[in-house]
C-alpha atoms as a PDB file:
ATOM      1  CA  MET A   1     -47.749 -66.110  62.441  1.00  0.00           C
ATOM      2  CA  ALA A   2     -51.508 -67.348  62.369  1.00  0.00           C
ATOM      3  CA  MET A   3     -53.720 -66.683  59.338  1.00  0.00           C
ATOM      4  CA  ASN A   4     -57.556 -67.486  58.914  1.00  0.00           C
ATOM      5  CA  LEU A   5     -58.107 -69.183  55.296  1.00  0.00           C
ATOM      6  CA  ARG A   6     -61.492 -70.347  53.629  1.00  0.00           C
ATOM      7  CA  VAL A   7     -61.276 -73.253  51.999  1.00  0.00           C
ATOM      8  CA  PRO A   8     -64.157 -74.354  49.498  1.00  0.00           C
ATOM      9  CA  LYS A   9     -65.632 -77.484  50.476  1.00  0.00           C
ATOM     10  CA  GLU A  10     -64.310 -79.949  47.867  1.00  0.00           C
ATOM     11  CA  LEU A  11     -60.668 -78.637  48.664  1.00  0.00           C
ATOM     12  CA  ASP A  12     -61.030 -79.070  51.890  1.00  0.00           C
ATOM     13  CA  ARG A  13     -62.666 -82.765  51.444  1.00  0.00           C
ATOM     14  CA  ARG A  14     -59.927 -83.334  49.481  1.00  0.00           C
ATOM     15  CA  LEU A  15     -57.397 -82.139  52.148  1.00  0.00           C
ATOM     16  CA  GLU A  16     -58.781 -84.047  54.660  1.00  0.00           C
ATOM     17  CA  LYS A  17     -58.241 -87.383  53.020  1.00  0.00           C
ATOM     18  CA  LEU A  18     -54.850 -86.670  51.807  1.00  0.00           C
ATOM     19  CA  ALA A  19     -54.281 -85.631  55.345  1.00  0.00           C
ATOM     20  CA  ALA A  20     -55.443 -88.868  56.817  1.00  0.00           C
ATOM     21  CA  GLU A  21     -53.467 -91.039  54.240  1.00  0.00           C
ATOM     22  CA  GLU A  22     -49.981 -89.199  54.837  1.00  0.00           C
ATOM     23  CA  HIS A  23     -50.914 -88.945  58.705  1.00  0.00           C
ATOM     24  CA  THR A  24     -50.432 -85.053  58.836  1.00  0.00           C
ATOM     25  CA  SER A  25     -52.507 -82.297  59.154  1.00  0.00           C
ATOM     26  CA  LYS A  26     -54.278 -79.737  56.402  1.00  0.00           C
ATOM     27  CA  SER A  27     -51.884 -76.928  57.853  1.00  0.00           C
ATOM     28  CA  ALA A  28     -49.056 -78.874  57.056  1.00  0.00           C
ATOM     29  CA  LEU A  29     -50.270 -79.565  53.562  1.00  0.00           C
ATOM     30  CA  LEU A  30     -51.149 -76.413  52.727  1.00  0.00           C
ATOM     31  CA  LEU A  31     -47.742 -74.999  53.817  1.00  0.00           C
ATOM     32  CA  GLN A  32     -45.899 -77.660  51.585  1.00  0.00           C
ATOM     33  CA  GLY A  33     -48.227 -76.246  48.945  1.00  0.00           C
ATOM     34  CA  ALA A  34     -47.532 -72.769  49.623  1.00  0.00           C
ATOM     35  CA  GLU A  35     -43.824 -73.573  49.485  1.00  0.00           C
ATOM     36  CA  LEU A  36     -43.973 -75.430  46.212  1.00  0.00           C
ATOM     37  CA  VAL A  37     -45.533 -72.306  44.883  1.00  0.00           C
ATOM     38  CA  LEU A  38     -42.365 -70.479  45.865  1.00  0.00           C
ATOM     39  CA  GLN A  39     -40.660 -72.600  44.567  1.00  0.00           C
ATOM     40  CA  ARG A  40     -41.798 -72.781  41.202  1.00  0.00           C
ATOM     41  CA  HIS A  41     -41.827 -68.994  40.768  1.00  0.00           C
ATOM     42  CA  ALA A  42     -38.451 -68.841  41.525  1.00  0.00           C
ATOM     43  CA  ARG A  43     -37.692 -71.384  39.480  1.00  0.00           C
ATOM     44  CA  GLN A  44     -39.317 -69.533  36.050  1.00  0.00           C
ATOM     45  CA  ARG A  45     -37.678 -66.101  37.107  1.00  0.00           C
ATOM     46  CA  GLU A  46     -34.331 -67.823  37.239  1.00  0.00           C
ATOM     47  CA  ILE A  47     -35.281 -69.505  33.673  1.00  0.00           C
ATOM     48  CA  SER A  48     -36.660 -65.932  32.122  1.00  0.00           C
ATOM     49  CA  GLU A  49     -33.226 -63.933  33.629  1.00  0.00           C
ATOM     50  CA  GLY A  50     -31.060 -66.729  32.084  1.00  0.00           C
ATOM     51  CA  LEU A  51     -32.875 -66.385  28.873  1.00  0.00           C
ATOM     52  CA  ASP A  52     -32.863 -62.549  28.850  1.00  0.00           C
ATOM     53  CA  PHE A  53     -29.126 -62.807  29.641  1.00  0.00           C
ATOM     54  CA  VAL A  54     -28.198 -65.161  26.819  1.00  0.00           C
ATOM     55  CA  MET A  55     -30.584 -62.887  24.301  1.00  0.00           C
ATOM     56  CA  SER A  56     -28.733 -60.148  25.131  1.00  0.00           C
ATOM     57  CA  HIS A  57     -25.149 -61.306  25.526  1.00  0.00           C
ATOM     58  CA  ASP A  58     -24.987 -64.013  23.034  1.00  0.00           C
ATOM     59  CA  VAL A  59     -27.134 -62.509  19.877  1.00  0.00           C
ATOM     60  CA  GLU A  60     -24.261 -62.405  17.676  1.00  0.00           C
ATOM     61  CA  LEU A  61     -23.859 -66.338  18.039  1.00  0.00           C
ATOM     62  CA  LEU A  62     -27.263 -67.307  17.918  1.00  0.00           C
ATOM     63  CA  LYS A  63     -27.316 -65.376  14.591  1.00  0.00           C
ATOM     64  CA  ARG A  64     -24.089 -67.552  13.063  1.00  0.00           C
ATOM     65  CA  LEU A  65     -26.282 -70.337  14.599  1.00  0.00           C
ATOM     66  CA  GLU A  66     -29.427 -70.064  13.051  1.00  0.00           C
ATOM     67  CA  ASP A  67     -27.339 -69.199   9.579  1.00  0.00           C
ATOM     68  CA  ALA A  68     -25.456 -72.603   9.858  1.00  0.00           C
END
């Protein structure tokens, strides 16, 4: 899928420099960045769901630990 993206000049300059250093394209760098953002959000969601599970299923245990 093709997409047009407007990048601020400073960011474009930094991407250009990094792309040259990494011997890759700016497009490849942006795709890597998008993947990292998606992974970070998925991980945050997993952690939040895990905490919600613990808080809803282990309330009594947590209270006992708090009082110990």
